[in-house]
Amino acid sequence: MFFSYFKELVGKEVTVELKNDLAIRGTLHSVDQYLNIKLENTRVVDQEKYPHMLSVRNCFIRGSVVRYVQLPPDGVDIDILHDATRREARGG
């Protein structure tokens, strides 16, 4: 369900918060079925806490280390979420 939804967000800016509290904002380049995420044009939300990340512009994030993905306000399509939830409940 989430994989198909995230594919719709490719090209939009998202913020990914990791389990180690690092939050990275960037343009969603790709996502796979394991919710591994590739971001481009990245920047760290708390640059003072993570100064070593200032030079990182593109990154690959393993899905298992993601805590949250903050979506852009215009990226939330309620109808798509409802349809995906119904399909998931039906087992299809």
C-alpha atoms as a PDB file:
ATOM      1  CA  MET A   1       0.000   0.000   0.000  1.00  0.00           C
ATOM      2  CA  PHE A   2       2.637   2.545   1.008  1.00  0.00           C
ATOM      3  CA  PHE A   3       4.948   1.661  -1.861  1.00  0.00           C
ATOM      4  CA  SER A   4       2.389   2.640  -4.489  1.00  0.00           C
ATOM      5  CA  TYR A   5       1.544   5.793  -2.570  1.00  0.00           C
ATOM      6  CA  PHE A   6       5.189   6.885  -2.248  1.00  0.00           C
ATOM      7  CA  LYS A   7       5.736   6.307  -5.968  1.00  0.00           C
ATOM      8  CA  GLU A   8       3.198   9.090  -6.552  1.00  0.00           C
ATOM      9  CA  LEU A   9       5.436  11.472  -4.550  1.00  0.00           C
ATOM     10  CA  VAL A  10       8.552  11.076  -6.705  1.00  0.00           C
ATOM     11  CA  GLY A  11       9.860  14.533  -7.550  1.00  0.00           C
ATOM     12  CA  LYS A  12       8.341  16.167  -4.476  1.00  0.00           C
ATOM     13  CA  GLU A  13      10.164  17.390  -1.386  1.00  0.00           C
ATOM     14  CA  VAL A  14       9.861  15.190   1.712  1.00  0.00           C
ATOM     15  CA  THR A  15      11.507  15.069   5.116  1.00  0.00           C
ATOM     16  CA  VAL A  16      12.706  11.669   6.331  1.00  0.00           C
ATOM     17  CA  GLU A  17      13.296  11.243  10.058  1.00  0.00           C
ATOM     18  CA  LEU A  18      15.556   8.339  10.947  1.00  0.00           C
ATOM     19  CA  LYS A  19      15.511   6.211  14.083  1.00  0.00           C
ATOM     20  CA  ASN A  20      18.737   7.912  15.229  1.00  0.00           C
ATOM     21  CA  ASP A  21      16.880  11.304  15.239  1.00  0.00           C
ATOM     22  CA  LEU A  22      18.591  12.580  12.081  1.00  0.00           C
ATOM     23  CA  ALA A  23      16.068  14.342   9.824  1.00  0.00           C
ATOM     24  CA  ILE A  24      16.930  14.841   6.151  1.00  0.00           C
ATOM     25  CA  ARG A  25      14.923  16.958   3.725  1.00  0.00           C
ATOM     26  CA  GLY A  26      15.230  16.431   0.002  1.00  0.00           C
ATOM     27  CA  THR A  27      13.563  15.634  -3.277  1.00  0.00           C
ATOM     28  CA  LEU A  28      12.263  12.077  -3.486  1.00  0.00           C
ATOM     29  CA  HIS A  29      14.078  10.447  -6.403  1.00  0.00           C
ATOM     30  CA  SER A  30      12.957   6.848  -5.954  1.00  0.00           C
ATOM     31  CA  VAL A  31      11.465   4.342  -3.534  1.00  0.00           C
ATOM     32  CA  ASP A  32      11.281   0.548  -3.712  1.00  0.00           C
ATOM     33  CA  GLN A  33       9.043  -2.168  -2.276  1.00  0.00           C
ATOM     34  CA  TYR A  34      11.124  -2.240   0.931  1.00  0.00           C
ATOM     35  CA  LEU A  35      10.588   1.524   1.309  1.00  0.00           C
ATOM     36  CA  ASN A  36      14.265   2.187   0.707  1.00  0.00           C
ATOM     37  CA  ILE A  37      14.400   5.849  -0.258  1.00  0.00           C
ATOM     38  CA  LYS A  38      16.743   7.806  -2.513  1.00  0.00           C
ATOM     39  CA  LEU A  39      16.804  11.577  -1.965  1.00  0.00           C
ATOM     40  CA  GLU A  40      18.456  14.273  -4.060  1.00  0.00           C
ATOM     41  CA  ASN A  41      19.293  17.890  -3.171  1.00  0.00           C
ATOM     42  CA  THR A  42      19.356  16.947   0.488  1.00  0.00           C
ATOM     43  CA  ARG A  43      19.920  19.076   3.534  1.00  0.00           C
ATOM     44  CA  VAL A  44      19.902  18.211   7.207  1.00  0.00           C
ATOM     45  CA  VAL A  45      17.119  19.780   9.261  1.00  0.00           C
ATOM     46  CA  ASP A  46      19.333  20.308  12.361  1.00  0.00           C
ATOM     47  CA  GLN A  47      22.615  21.384  10.791  1.00  0.00           C
ATOM     48  CA  GLU A  48      24.214  22.381  14.099  1.00  0.00           C
ATOM     49  CA  LYS A  49      23.753  18.894  15.526  1.00  0.00           C
ATOM     50  CA  TYR A  50      24.972  17.136  12.357  1.00  0.00           C
ATOM     51  CA  PRO A  51      27.628  19.407  10.777  1.00  0.00           C
ATOM     52  CA  HIS A  52      29.347  16.426   9.126  1.00  0.00           C
ATOM     53  CA  MET A  53      26.251  15.997   6.932  1.00  0.00           C
ATOM     54  CA  LEU A  54      26.448  19.455   5.345  1.00  0.00           C
ATOM     55  CA  SER A  55      28.329  18.218   2.278  1.00  0.00           C
ATOM     56  CA  VAL A  56      25.875  15.381   1.545  1.00  0.00           C
ATOM     57  CA  ARG A  57      23.690  16.250  -1.463  1.00  0.00           C
ATOM     58  CA  ASN A  58      22.261  12.837  -2.417  1.00  0.00           C
ATOM     59  CA  CYS A  59      21.604   9.851  -0.200  1.00  0.00           C
ATOM     60  CA  PHE A  60      20.130   6.375  -0.067  1.00  0.00           C
ATOM     61  CA  ILE A  61      18.168   5.542   3.080  1.00  0.00           C
ATOM     62  CA  ARG A  62      17.462   1.958   4.035  1.00  0.00           C
ATOM     63  CA  GLY A  63      13.776   1.500   4.802  1.00  0.00           C
ATOM     64  CA  SER A  64      14.395  -0.258   8.115  1.00  0.00           C
ATOM     65  CA  VAL A  65      16.008   2.863   9.645  1.00  0.00           C
ATOM     66  CA  VAL A  66      13.141   5.237   8.784  1.00  0.00           C
ATOM     67  CA  ARG A  67      10.974   6.444  11.663  1.00  0.00           C
ATOM     68  CA  TYR A  68       8.748   8.936   9.802  1.00  0.00           C
ATOM     69  CA  VAL A  69       8.330  10.443   6.375  1.00  0.00           C
ATOM     70  CA  GLN A  70       6.826  13.919   6.420  1.00  0.00           C
ATOM     71  CA  LEU A  71       4.919  14.582   3.231  1.00  0.00           C
ATOM     72  CA  PRO A  72       4.360  17.905   1.519  1.00  0.00           C
ATOM     73  CA  PRO A  73       0.879  19.324   2.230  1.00  0.00           C
ATOM     74  CA  ASP A  74      -0.062  19.068  -1.444  1.00  0.00           C
ATOM     75  CA  GLY A  75       1.236  15.482  -1.545  1.00  0.00           C
ATOM     76  CA  VAL A  76      -1.543  14.048   0.585  1.00  0.00           C
ATOM     77  CA  ASP A  77      -4.264  12.721  -1.709  1.00  0.00           C
ATOM     78  CA  ILE A  78      -6.948  11.345   0.587  1.00  0.00           C
ATOM     79  CA  ASP A  79      -8.776   9.561  -2.246  1.00  0.00           C
ATOM     80  CA  ILE A  80      -5.671   7.564  -3.207  1.00  0.00           C
ATOM     81  CA  LEU A  81      -5.109   6.604   0.437  1.00  0.00           C
ATOM     82  CA  HIS A  82      -8.735   5.488   0.859  1.00  0.00           C
ATOM     83  CA  ASP A  83      -8.594   3.392  -2.335  1.00  0.00           C
ATOM     84  CA  ALA A  84      -5.298   1.791  -1.313  1.00  0.00           C
ATOM     85  CA  THR A  85      -6.651   1.025   2.154  1.00  0.00           C
ATOM     86  CA  ARG A  86      -9.759  -0.613   0.711  1.00  0.00           C
ATOM     87  CA  ARG A  87      -7.664  -2.745  -1.682  1.00  0.00           C
ATOM     88  CA  GLU A  88      -5.409  -3.780   1.205  1.00  0.00           C
ATOM     89  CA  ALA A  89      -8.424  -4.758   3.338  1.00  0.00           C
ATOM     90  CA  ARG A  90      -9.779  -6.897   0.476  1.00  0.00           C
ATOM     91  CA  GLY A  91      -6.438  -8.610   0.137  1.00  0.00           C
ATOM     92  CA  GLY A  92      -5.802  -7.332  -3.362  1.00  0.00           C
END
